[in-house]
Amino acid sequence: MSQLIFTALNESPDVLTLTGCSRAPAYYLEGRLVDGDRWFEVSSVGVICQAAQVAEQARLAAGQTLVVRYPSGLVAQQITHRIRLLVDDPRGGAPLTFTSNSVLVR
């Protein structure tokens, strides 16, 4: 079994706010078949709050990194994966999405 580990670096001079339920950050794990050209959602983590959950926030300072580990039992072989990380808009708009580089799991 494989484990996906993604590291995000805040290269901006600003503090970024990440929100998630019940733990920040919220993100999507996406996949693409080796011979495919379309991405599909494999899983979402912390994106939707259940009735009993409370959203939490994490702050990512300038130059700070965040590590996202995806459970090994849920990573499919022979699929290219990527993470779409949700970041709060500092102006109060819809969350911003940052997409990682893709990685082929063999």
PDB file of N, CA and C in Angstrom:
ATOM      1  N   MET A   1       0.832  -1.175   0.000  1.00  0.00           N
ATOM      2  CA  MET A   1       0.000   0.000   0.000  1.00  0.00           C
ATOM      3  C   MET A   1       0.884   1.248   0.000  1.00  0.00           C
ATOM      4  N   SER A   2       0.355   2.309  -0.552  1.00  0.00           N
ATOM      5  CA  SER A   2       1.094   3.556  -0.658  1.00  0.00           C
ATOM      6  C   SER A   2       0.461   4.617   0.223  1.00  0.00           C
ATOM      7  N   GLN A   3       1.261   5.591   0.595  1.00  0.00           N
ATOM      8  CA  GLN A   3       0.756   6.747   1.311  1.00  0.00           C
ATOM      9  C   GLN A   3       1.163   7.977   0.523  1.00  0.00           C
ATOM     10  N   LEU A   4       0.237   8.892   0.339  1.00  0.00           N
ATOM     11  CA  LEU A   4       0.544  10.141  -0.346  1.00  0.00           C
ATOM     12  C   LEU A   4       0.851  11.200   0.693  1.00  0.00           C
ATOM     13  N   ILE A   5       1.942  11.908   0.483  1.00  0.00           N
ATOM     14  CA  ILE A   5       2.321  13.001   1.359  1.00  0.00           C
ATOM     15  C   ILE A   5       2.553  14.222   0.482  1.00  0.00           C
ATOM     16  N   PHE A   6       1.768  15.272   0.724  1.00  0.00           N
ATOM     17  CA  PHE A   6       1.908  16.516  -0.018  1.00  0.00           C
ATOM     18  C   PHE A   6       2.364  17.596   0.948  1.00  0.00           C
ATOM     19  N   THR A   7       3.276  18.430   0.496  1.00  0.00           N
ATOM     20  CA  THR A   7       3.762  19.539   1.313  1.00  0.00           C
ATOM     21  C   THR A   7       3.428  20.836   0.592  1.00  0.00           C
ATOM     22  N   ALA A   8       2.749  21.745   1.303  1.00  0.00           N
ATOM     23  CA  ALA A   8       2.394  23.052   0.747  1.00  0.00           C
ATOM     24  C   ALA A   8       3.244  24.114   1.439  1.00  0.00           C
ATOM     25  N   LEU A   9       3.798  25.015   0.674  1.00  0.00           N
ATOM     26  CA  LEU A   9       4.626  26.100   1.191  1.00  0.00           C
ATOM     27  C   LEU A   9       3.939  27.430   0.902  1.00  0.00           C
ATOM     28  N   ASN A  10       3.765  28.255   1.918  1.00  0.00           N
ATOM     29  CA  ASN A  10       3.189  29.588   1.733  1.00  0.00           C
ATOM     30  C   ASN A  10       4.301  30.510   1.256  1.00  0.00           C
ATOM     31  N   GLU A  11       4.317  30.791  -0.038  1.00  0.00           N
ATOM     32  CA  GLU A  11       5.339  31.663  -0.627  1.00  0.00           C
ATOM     33  C   GLU A  11       4.923  33.120  -0.644  1.00  0.00           C
ATOM     34  N   SER A  12       3.724  33.415  -0.164  1.00  0.00           N
ATOM     35  CA  SER A  12       3.259  34.800  -0.142  1.00  0.00           C
ATOM     36  C   SER A  12       3.747  35.489   1.131  1.00  0.00           C
ATOM     37  N   PRO A  13       3.694  36.809   1.169  1.00  0.00           N
ATOM     38  CA  PRO A  13       4.085  37.521   2.388  1.00  0.00           C
ATOM     39  C   PRO A  13       2.964  37.537   3.436  1.00  0.00           C
ATOM     40  N   ASP A  14       1.800  37.003   3.094  1.00  0.00           N
ATOM     41  CA  ASP A  14       0.627  37.055   3.961  1.00  0.00           C
ATOM     42  C   ASP A  14       0.430  35.761   4.744  1.00  0.00           C
ATOM     43  N   VAL A  15      -0.295  35.870   5.842  1.00  0.00           N
ATOM     44  CA  VAL A  15      -0.726  34.697   6.585  1.00  0.00           C
ATOM     45  C   VAL A  15      -1.966  34.145   5.898  1.00  0.00           C
ATOM     46  N   LEU A  16      -1.979  32.856   5.593  1.00  0.00           N
ATOM     47  CA  LEU A  16      -3.124  32.223   4.954  1.00  0.00           C
ATOM     48  C   LEU A  16      -3.947  31.494   6.007  1.00  0.00           C
ATOM     49  N   THR A  17      -5.267  31.531   5.846  1.00  0.00           N
ATOM     50  CA  THR A  17      -6.157  30.838   6.768  1.00  0.00           C
ATOM     51  C   THR A  17      -6.763  29.647   6.048  1.00  0.00           C
ATOM     52  N   LEU A  18      -6.658  28.485   6.675  1.00  0.00           N
ATOM     53  CA  LEU A  18      -7.211  27.242   6.141  1.00  0.00           C
ATOM     54  C   LEU A  18      -8.312  26.780   7.083  1.00  0.00           C
ATOM     55  N   THR A  19      -9.453  26.424   6.527  1.00  0.00           N
ATOM     56  CA  THR A  19     -10.583  25.979   7.332  1.00  0.00           C
ATOM     57  C   THR A  19     -10.945  24.561   6.934  1.00  0.00           C
ATOM     58  N   GLY A  20     -11.438  23.792   7.880  1.00  0.00           N
ATOM     59  CA  GLY A  20     -11.882  22.437   7.580  1.00  0.00           C
ATOM     60  C   GLY A  20     -12.761  21.897   8.688  1.00  0.00           C
ATOM     61  N   CYS A  21     -13.534  20.891   8.385  1.00  0.00           N
ATOM     62  CA  CYS A  21     -14.413  20.236   9.357  1.00  0.00           C
ATOM     63  C   CYS A  21     -13.990  18.788   9.491  1.00  0.00           C
ATOM     64  N   SER A  22     -13.745  18.285  10.512  1.00  0.00           N
ATOM     65  CA  SER A  22     -13.661  18.910  11.821  1.00  0.00           C
ATOM     66  C   SER A  22     -12.253  19.387  12.114  1.00  0.00           C
ATOM     67  N   ARG A  23     -11.387  19.248  11.147  1.00  0.00           N
ATOM     68  CA  ARG A  23      -9.998  19.655  11.308  1.00  0.00           C
ATOM     69  C   ARG A  23      -9.529  20.326  10.025  1.00  0.00           C
ATOM     70  N   ALA A  24      -8.759  21.390  10.155  1.00  0.00           N
ATOM     71  CA  ALA A  24      -8.204  22.064   8.987  1.00  0.00           C
ATOM     72  C   ALA A  24      -6.930  21.333   8.559  1.00  0.00           C
ATOM     73  N   PRO A  25      -6.591  21.342   7.293  1.00  0.00           N
ATOM     74  CA  PRO A  25      -7.242  22.032   6.185  1.00  0.00           C
ATOM     75  C   PRO A  25      -8.248  21.138   5.457  1.00  0.00           C
ATOM     76  N   ALA A  26      -9.114  21.775   4.702  1.00  0.00           N
ATOM     77  CA  ALA A  26     -10.018  21.047   3.818  1.00  0.00           C
ATOM     78  C   ALA A  26      -9.324  20.870   2.471  1.00  0.00           C
ATOM     79  N   TYR A  27      -9.475  19.680   1.895  1.00  0.00           N
ATOM     80  CA  TYR A  27      -8.861  19.439   0.593  1.00  0.00           C
ATOM     81  C   TYR A  27      -9.591  18.320  -0.148  1.00  0.00           C
ATOM     82  N   TYR A  28      -9.372  18.287  -1.445  1.00  0.00           N
ATOM     83  CA  TYR A  28      -9.864  17.216  -2.304  1.00  0.00           C
ATOM     84  C   TYR A  28      -8.674  16.396  -2.779  1.00  0.00           C
ATOM     85  N   LEU A  29      -8.831  15.086  -2.790  1.00  0.00           N
ATOM     86  CA  LEU A  29      -7.867  14.213  -3.444  1.00  0.00           C
ATOM     87  C   LEU A  29      -8.485  13.845  -4.778  1.00  0.00           C
ATOM     88  N   GLU A  30      -7.760  14.112  -5.848  1.00  0.00           N
ATOM     89  CA  GLU A  30      -8.262  13.802  -7.189  1.00  0.00           C
ATOM     90  C   GLU A  30      -7.381  12.754  -7.844  1.00  0.00           C
ATOM     91  N   GLY A  31      -7.953  12.056  -8.790  1.00  0.00           N
ATOM     92  CA  GLY A  31      -7.217  11.038  -9.509  1.00  0.00           C
ATOM     93  C   GLY A  31      -7.434  11.150 -11.007  1.00  0.00           C
ATOM     94  N   ARG A  32      -6.518  10.575 -11.745  1.00  0.00           N
ATOM     95  CA  ARG A  32      -6.617  10.510 -13.209  1.00  0.00           C
ATOM     96  C   ARG A  32      -6.004   9.186 -13.628  1.00  0.00           C
ATOM     97  N   LEU A  33      -6.724   8.445 -14.435  1.00  0.00           N
ATOM     98  CA  LEU A  33      -6.197   7.189 -14.933  1.00  0.00           C
ATOM     99  C   LEU A  33      -4.967   7.453 -15.781  1.00  0.00           C
ATOM    100  N   VAL A  34      -4.062   6.502 -15.833  1.00  0.00           N
ATOM    101  CA  VAL A  34      -2.797   6.676 -16.542  1.00  0.00           C
ATOM    102  C   VAL A  34      -3.027   7.092 -17.994  1.00  0.00           C
ATOM    103  N   ASP A  35      -4.011   6.487 -18.646  1.00  0.00           N
ATOM    104  CA  ASP A  35      -4.275   6.818 -20.048  1.00  0.00           C
ATOM    105  C   ASP A  35      -5.421   7.810 -20.210  1.00  0.00           C
ATOM    106  N   GLY A  36      -5.853   8.442 -19.126  1.00  0.00           N
ATOM    107  CA  GLY A  36      -6.975   9.375 -19.185  1.00  0.00           C
ATOM    108  C   GLY A  36      -6.542  10.820 -19.212  1.00  0.00           C
ATOM    109  N   ASP A  37      -7.487  11.699 -19.536  1.00  0.00           N
ATOM    110  CA  ASP A  37      -7.189  13.125 -19.555  1.00  0.00           C
ATOM    111  C   ASP A  37      -8.110  13.916 -18.630  1.00  0.00           C
ATOM    112  N   ARG A  38      -8.982  13.228 -17.897  1.00  0.00           N
ATOM    113  CA  ARG A  38      -9.910  13.912 -16.995  1.00  0.00           C
ATOM    114  C   ARG A  38      -9.611  13.551 -15.548  1.00  0.00           C
ATOM    115  N   TRP A  39      -9.697  14.567 -14.685  1.00  0.00           N
ATOM    116  CA  TRP A  39      -9.534  14.357 -13.249  1.00  0.00           C
ATOM    117  C   TRP A  39     -10.891  14.014 -12.646  1.00  0.00           C
ATOM    118  N   PHE A  40     -10.900  13.144 -11.632  1.00  0.00           N
ATOM    119  CA  PHE A  40     -12.128  12.810 -10.926  1.00  0.00           C
ATOM    120  C   PHE A  40     -11.845  12.866  -9.422  1.00  0.00           C
ATOM    121  N   GLU A  41     -12.892  13.142  -8.650  1.00  0.00           N
ATOM    122  CA  GLU A  41     -12.727  13.235  -7.205  1.00  0.00           C
ATOM    123  C   GLU A  41     -12.631  11.840  -6.605  1.00  0.00           C
ATOM    124  N   VAL A  42     -11.546  11.586  -5.896  1.00  0.00           N
ATOM    125  CA  VAL A  42     -11.366  10.335  -5.173  1.00  0.00           C
ATOM    126  C   VAL A  42     -11.975  10.476  -3.786  1.00  0.00           C
ATOM    127  N   SER A  43     -11.725  11.619  -3.156  1.00  0.00           N
ATOM    128  CA  SER A  43     -12.213  11.847  -1.808  1.00  0.00           C
ATOM    129  C   SER A  43     -12.147  13.333  -1.487  1.00  0.00           C
ATOM    130  N   SER A  44     -12.962  13.743  -0.535  1.00  0.00           N
ATOM    131  CA  SER A  44     -12.839  15.091   0.012  1.00  0.00           C
ATOM    132  C   SER A  44     -12.674  14.954   1.517  1.00  0.00           C
ATOM    133  N   VAL A  45     -11.827  15.778   2.079  1.00  0.00           N
ATOM    134  CA  VAL A  45     -11.535  15.728   3.507  1.00  0.00           C
ATOM    135  C   VAL A  45     -11.795  17.108   4.097  1.00  0.00           C
ATOM    136  N   GLY A  46     -12.698  17.176   5.056  1.00  0.00           N
ATOM    137  CA  GLY A  46     -12.969  18.426   5.758  1.00  0.00           C
ATOM    138  C   GLY A  46     -13.711  19.473   4.968  1.00  0.00           C
ATOM    139  N   VAL A  47     -14.292  19.107   3.840  1.00  0.00           N
ATOM    140  CA  VAL A  47     -14.944  20.088   2.968  1.00  0.00           C
ATOM    141  C   VAL A  47     -16.359  20.399   3.433  1.00  0.00           C
ATOM    142  N   ILE A  48     -17.099  19.391   3.864  1.00  0.00           N
ATOM    143  CA  ILE A  48     -18.490  19.568   4.288  1.00  0.00           C
ATOM    144  C   ILE A  48     -18.596  19.284   5.779  1.00  0.00           C
ATOM    145  N   CYS A  49     -19.224  20.199   6.513  1.00  0.00           N
ATOM    146  CA  CYS A  49     -19.412  20.022   7.952  1.00  0.00           C
ATOM    147  C   CYS A  49     -20.713  19.258   8.209  1.00  0.00           C
ATOM    148  N   GLN A  50     -20.609  18.168   8.964  1.00  0.00           N
ATOM    149  CA  GLN A  50     -21.786  17.459   9.433  1.00  0.00           C
ATOM    150  C   GLN A  50     -22.424  18.309  10.534  1.00  0.00           C
ATOM    151  N   ALA A  51     -23.665  18.010  10.895  1.00  0.00           N
ATOM    152  CA  ALA A  51     -24.394  18.806  11.885  1.00  0.00           C
ATOM    153  C   ALA A  51     -23.658  18.911  13.220  1.00  0.00           C
ATOM    154  N   ALA A  52     -22.983  17.858  13.650  1.00  0.00           N
ATOM    155  CA  ALA A  52     -22.316  17.847  14.951  1.00  0.00           C
ATOM    156  C   ALA A  52     -20.875  18.358  14.897  1.00  0.00           C
ATOM    157  N   GLN A  53     -20.388  18.739  13.727  1.00  0.00           N
ATOM    158  CA  GLN A  53     -18.999  19.174  13.588  1.00  0.00           C
ATOM    159  C   GLN A  53     -18.880  20.691  13.649  1.00  0.00           C
ATOM    160  N   VAL A  54     -17.744  21.132  14.098  1.00  0.00           N
ATOM    161  CA  VAL A  54     -17.435  22.554  14.145  1.00  0.00           C
ATOM    162  C   VAL A  54     -16.200  22.784  13.281  1.00  0.00           C
ATOM    163  N   ALA A  55     -16.279  23.777  12.416  1.00  0.00           N
ATOM    164  CA  ALA A  55     -15.136  24.092  11.551  1.00  0.00           C
ATOM    165  C   ALA A  55     -13.985  24.634  12.392  1.00  0.00           C
ATOM    166  N   GLU A  56     -12.785  24.195  12.053  1.00  0.00           N
ATOM    167  CA  GLU A  56     -11.584  24.689  12.716  1.00  0.00           C
ATOM    168  C   GLU A  56     -10.724  25.422  11.693  1.00  0.00           C
ATOM    169  N   GLN A  57      -9.933  26.354  12.194  1.00  0.00           N
ATOM    170  CA  GLN A  57      -9.044  27.100  11.319  1.00  0.00           C
ATOM    171  C   GLN A  57      -7.594  26.859  11.712  1.00  0.00           C
ATOM    172  N   ALA A  58      -6.746  26.897  10.705  1.00  0.00           N
ATOM    173  CA  ALA A  58      -5.303  26.840  10.920  1.00  0.00           C
ATOM    174  C   ALA A  58      -4.697  27.990  10.130  1.00  0.00           C
ATOM    175  N   ARG A  59      -3.687  28.594  10.668  1.00  0.00           N
ATOM    176  CA  ARG A  59      -3.022  29.706   9.999  1.00  0.00           C
ATOM    177  C   ARG A  59      -1.661  29.228   9.500  1.00  0.00           C
ATOM    178  N   LEU A  60      -1.350  29.644   8.275  1.00  0.00           N
ATOM    179  CA  LEU A  60      -0.083  29.291   7.653  1.00  0.00           C
ATOM    180  C   LEU A  60       0.674  30.590   7.377  1.00  0.00           C
ATOM    181  N   ALA A  61       1.695  30.855   8.182  1.00  0.00           N
ATOM    182  CA  ALA A  61       2.469  32.091   8.058  1.00  0.00           C
ATOM    183  C   ALA A  61       3.337  32.065   6.804  1.00  0.00           C
ATOM    184  N   ALA A  62       3.799  33.234   6.400  1.00  0.00           N
ATOM    185  CA  ALA A  62       4.691  33.343   5.248  1.00  0.00           C
ATOM    186  C   ALA A  62       5.916  32.465   5.486  1.00  0.00           C
ATOM    187  N   GLY A  63       6.250  31.632   4.496  1.00  0.00           N
ATOM    188  CA  GLY A  63       7.402  30.750   4.585  1.00  0.00           C
ATOM    189  C   GLY A  63       7.154  29.450   5.329  1.00  0.00           C
ATOM    190  N   GLN A  64       5.988  29.308   5.919  1.00  0.00           N
ATOM    191  CA  GLN A  64       5.664  28.095   6.677  1.00  0.00           C
ATOM    192  C   GLN A  64       5.126  27.017   5.734  1.00  0.00           C
ATOM    193  N   THR A  65       5.359  25.753   6.105  1.00  0.00           N
ATOM    194  CA  THR A  65       4.861  24.634   5.305  1.00  0.00           C
ATOM    195  C   THR A  65       3.761  23.887   6.049  1.00  0.00           C
ATOM    196  N   LEU A  66       2.963  23.215   5.265  1.00  0.00           N
ATOM    197  CA  LEU A  66       1.882  22.379   5.773  1.00  0.00           C
ATOM    198  C   LEU A  66       2.019  21.019   5.100  1.00  0.00           C
ATOM    199  N   VAL A  67       1.934  19.959   5.863  1.00  0.00           N
ATOM    200  CA  VAL A  67       2.038  18.614   5.315  1.00  0.00           C
ATOM    201  C   VAL A  67       0.672  17.956   5.388  1.00  0.00           C
ATOM    202  N   VAL A  68       0.207  17.429   4.249  1.00  0.00           N
ATOM    203  CA  VAL A  68      -1.056  16.697   4.165  1.00  0.00           C
ATOM    204  C   VAL A  68      -0.710  15.241   3.880  1.00  0.00           C
ATOM    205  N   ARG A  69      -1.143  14.354   4.755  1.00  0.00           N
ATOM    206  CA  ARG A  69      -0.910  12.912   4.574  1.00  0.00           C
ATOM    207  C   ARG A  69      -2.243  12.257   4.283  1.00  0.00           C
ATOM    208  N   TYR A  70      -2.293  11.527   3.198  1.00  0.00           N
ATOM    209  CA  TYR A  70      -3.523  10.840   2.832  1.00  0.00           C
ATOM    210  C   TYR A  70      -3.385   9.372   3.205  1.00  0.00           C
ATOM    211  N   PRO A  71      -4.388   8.789   3.875  1.00  0.00           N
ATOM    212  CA  PRO A  71      -4.298   7.404   4.367  1.00  0.00           C
ATOM    213  C   PRO A  71      -3.949   6.402   3.274  1.00  0.00           C
ATOM    214  N   SER A  72      -3.047   5.514   3.604  1.00  0.00           N
ATOM    215  CA  SER A  72      -2.528   4.568   2.624  1.00  0.00           C
ATOM    216  C   SER A  72      -3.585   3.614   2.085  1.00  0.00           C
ATOM    217  N   GLY A  73      -4.559   3.240   2.890  1.00  0.00           N
ATOM    218  CA  GLY A  73      -5.573   2.292   2.447  1.00  0.00           C
ATOM    219  C   GLY A  73      -6.498   2.836   1.379  1.00  0.00           C
ATOM    220  N   LEU A  74      -6.470   4.151   1.144  1.00  0.00           N
ATOM    221  CA  LEU A  74      -7.393   4.760   0.191  1.00  0.00           C
ATOM    222  C   LEU A  74      -6.718   5.228  -1.092  1.00  0.00           C
ATOM    223  N   VAL A  75      -5.435   4.949  -1.238  1.00  0.00           N
ATOM    224  CA  VAL A  75      -4.694   5.382  -2.425  1.00  0.00           C
ATOM    225  C   VAL A  75      -4.682   4.244  -3.439  1.00  0.00           C
ATOM    226  N   ALA A  76      -5.184   4.517  -4.617  1.00  0.00           N
ATOM    227  CA  ALA A  76      -5.256   3.498  -5.666  1.00  0.00           C
ATOM    228  C   ALA A  76      -3.944   3.424  -6.446  1.00  0.00           C
ATOM    229  N   GLN A  77      -3.605   2.230  -6.872  1.00  0.00           N
ATOM    230  CA  GLN A  77      -2.408   2.018  -7.672  1.00  0.00           C
ATOM    231  C   GLN A  77      -2.695   2.363  -9.141  1.00  0.00           C
ATOM    232  N   GLN A  78      -1.644   2.693  -9.858  1.00  0.00           N
ATOM    233  CA  GLN A  78      -1.723   2.996 -11.290  1.00  0.00           C
ATOM    234  C   GLN A  78      -2.651   4.170 -11.601  1.00  0.00           C
ATOM    235  N   ILE A  79      -2.735   5.100 -10.679  1.00  0.00           N
ATOM    236  CA  ILE A  79      -3.524   6.309 -10.889  1.00  0.00           C
ATOM    237  C   ILE A  79      -2.651   7.510 -10.528  1.00  0.00           C
ATOM    238  N   THR A  80      -2.766   8.564 -11.299  1.00  0.00           N
ATOM    239  CA  THR A  80      -2.090   9.814 -10.979  1.00  0.00           C
ATOM    240  C   THR A  80      -2.975  10.589 -10.020  1.00  0.00           C
ATOM    241  N   HIS A  81      -2.393  11.087  -8.929  1.00  0.00           N
ATOM    242  CA  HIS A  81      -3.142  11.809  -7.910  1.00  0.00           C
ATOM    243  C   HIS A  81      -2.651  13.247  -7.790  1.00  0.00           C
ATOM    244  N   ARG A  82      -3.532  14.093  -7.277  1.00  0.00           N
ATOM    245  CA  ARG A  82      -3.160  15.453  -6.904  1.00  0.00           C
ATOM    246  C   ARG A  82      -4.094  15.901  -5.782  1.00  0.00           C
ATOM    247  N   ILE A  83      -3.699  16.944  -5.088  1.00  0.00           N
ATOM    248  CA  ILE A  83      -4.491  17.521  -4.004  1.00  0.00           C
ATOM    249  C   ILE A  83      -4.928  18.917  -4.427  1.00  0.00           C
ATOM    250  N   ARG A  84      -6.188  19.235  -4.149  1.00  0.00           N
ATOM    251  CA  ARG A  84      -6.671  20.620  -4.288  1.00  0.00           C
ATOM    252  C   ARG A  84      -6.946  21.128  -2.881  1.00  0.00           C
ATOM    253  N   LEU A  85      -6.115  22.047  -2.421  1.00  0.00           N
ATOM    254  CA  LEU A  85      -6.175  22.591  -1.074  1.00  0.00           C
ATOM    255  C   LEU A  85      -7.052  23.839  -1.074  1.00  0.00           C
ATOM    256  N   LEU A  86      -7.970  23.916  -0.114  1.00  0.00           N
ATOM    257  CA  LEU A  86      -8.863  25.072  -0.017  1.00  0.00           C
ATOM    258  C   LEU A  86      -8.295  26.072   0.990  1.00  0.00           C
ATOM    259  N   VAL A  87      -8.200  27.331   0.575  1.00  0.00           N
ATOM    260  CA  VAL A  87      -7.659  28.410   1.402  1.00  0.00           C
ATOM    261  C   VAL A  87      -8.704  29.512   1.466  1.00  0.00           C
ATOM    262  N   ASP A  88      -8.933  30.039   2.679  1.00  0.00           N
ATOM    263  CA  ASP A  88      -9.917  31.118   2.837  1.00  0.00           C
ATOM    264  C   ASP A  88      -9.475  32.350   2.052  1.00  0.00           C
ATOM    265  N   ASP A  89     -10.442  32.994   1.388  1.00  0.00           N
ATOM    266  CA  ASP A  89     -10.169  34.228   0.662  1.00  0.00           C
ATOM    267  C   ASP A  89      -9.995  35.356   1.680  1.00  0.00           C
ATOM    268  N   PRO A  90      -8.868  36.067   1.666  1.00  0.00           N
ATOM    269  CA  PRO A  90      -8.666  37.144   2.647  1.00  0.00           C
ATOM    270  C   PRO A  90      -9.671  38.292   2.509  1.00  0.00           C
ATOM    271  N   ARG A  91     -10.341  38.377   1.360  1.00  0.00           N
ATOM    272  CA  ARG A  91     -11.347  39.421   1.149  1.00  0.00           C
ATOM    273  C   ARG A  91     -12.752  38.947   1.516  1.00  0.00           C
ATOM    274  N   GLY A  92     -12.862  37.690   2.007  1.00  0.00           N
ATOM    275  CA  GLY A  92     -14.159  37.190   2.443  1.00  0.00           C
ATOM    276  C   GLY A  92     -14.973  36.514   1.354  1.00  0.00           C
ATOM    277  N   GLY A  93     -14.403  36.287   0.197  1.00  0.00           N
ATOM    278  CA  GLY A  93     -15.122  35.628  -0.896  1.00  0.00           C
ATOM    279  C   GLY A  93     -15.088  34.115  -0.767  1.00  0.00           C
ATOM    280  N   ALA A  94     -15.403  33.451  -1.845  1.00  0.00           N
ATOM    281  CA  ALA A  94     -15.381  31.984  -1.873  1.00  0.00           C
ATOM    282  C   ALA A  94     -13.953  31.484  -1.638  1.00  0.00           C
ATOM    283  N   PRO A  95     -13.810  30.288  -1.066  1.00  0.00           N
ATOM    284  CA  PRO A  95     -12.458  29.755  -0.830  1.00  0.00           C
ATOM    285  C   PRO A  95     -11.644  29.680  -2.122  1.00  0.00           C
ATOM    286  N   LEU A  96     -10.362  29.928  -1.994  1.00  0.00           N
ATOM    287  CA  LEU A  96      -9.437  29.809  -3.115  1.00  0.00           C
ATOM    288  C   LEU A  96      -8.945  28.370  -3.174  1.00  0.00           C
ATOM    289  N   THR A  97      -8.642  27.895  -4.362  1.00  0.00           N
ATOM    290  CA  THR A  97      -8.179  26.526  -4.536  1.00  0.00           C
ATOM    291  C   THR A  97      -6.759  26.536  -5.084  1.00  0.00           C
ATOM    292  N   PHE A  98      -5.879  25.812  -4.406  1.00  0.00           N
ATOM    293  CA  PHE A  98      -4.508  25.652  -4.871  1.00  0.00           C
ATOM    294  C   PHE A  98      -4.307  24.190  -5.204  1.00  0.00           C
ATOM    295  N   THR A  99      -3.807  23.920  -6.392  1.00  0.00           N
ATOM    296  CA  THR A  99      -3.646  22.547  -6.879  1.00  0.00           C
ATOM    297  C   THR A  99      -2.178  22.142  -6.856  1.00  0.00           C
ATOM    298  N   SER A 100      -1.925  20.965  -6.308  1.00  0.00           N
ATOM    299  CA  SER A 100      -0.555  20.462  -6.205  1.00  0.00           C
ATOM    300  C   SER A 100      -0.078  19.910  -7.545  1.00  0.00           C
ATOM    301  N   ASN A 101       1.201  19.621  -7.610  1.00  0.00           N
ATOM    302  CA  ASN A 101       1.724  18.846  -8.715  1.00  0.00           C
ATOM    303  C   ASN A 101       1.096  17.455  -8.635  1.00  0.00           C
ATOM    304  N   SER A 102       1.082  16.749  -9.717  1.00  0.00           N
ATOM    305  CA  SER A 102       0.519  15.397  -9.722  1.00  0.00           C
ATOM    306  C   SER A 102       1.619  14.359  -9.524  1.00  0.00           C
ATOM    307  N   VAL A 103       1.215  13.208  -8.989  1.00  0.00           N
ATOM    308  CA  VAL A 103       2.157  12.133  -8.737  1.00  0.00           C
ATOM    309  C   VAL A 103       1.502  10.804  -9.135  1.00  0.00           C
ATOM    310  N   LEU A 104       2.251   9.977  -9.839  1.00  0.00           N
ATOM    311  CA  LEU A 104       1.753   8.661 -10.254  1.00  0.00           C
ATOM    312  C   LEU A 104       2.081   7.651  -9.169  1.00  0.00           C
ATOM    313  N   VAL A 105       1.067   6.954  -8.677  1.00  0.00           N
ATOM    314  CA  VAL A 105       1.260   5.912  -7.676  1.00  0.00           C
ATOM    315  C   VAL A 105       1.351   4.588  -8.417  1.00  0.00           C
ATOM    316  N   ARG A 106       2.455   3.884  -8.237  1.00  0.00           N
ATOM    317  CA  ARG A 106       2.666   2.609  -8.913  1.00  0.00           C
ATOM    318  C   ARG A 106       2.559   1.464  -7.947  1.00  0.00           C
TER     319      ARG A 106
END
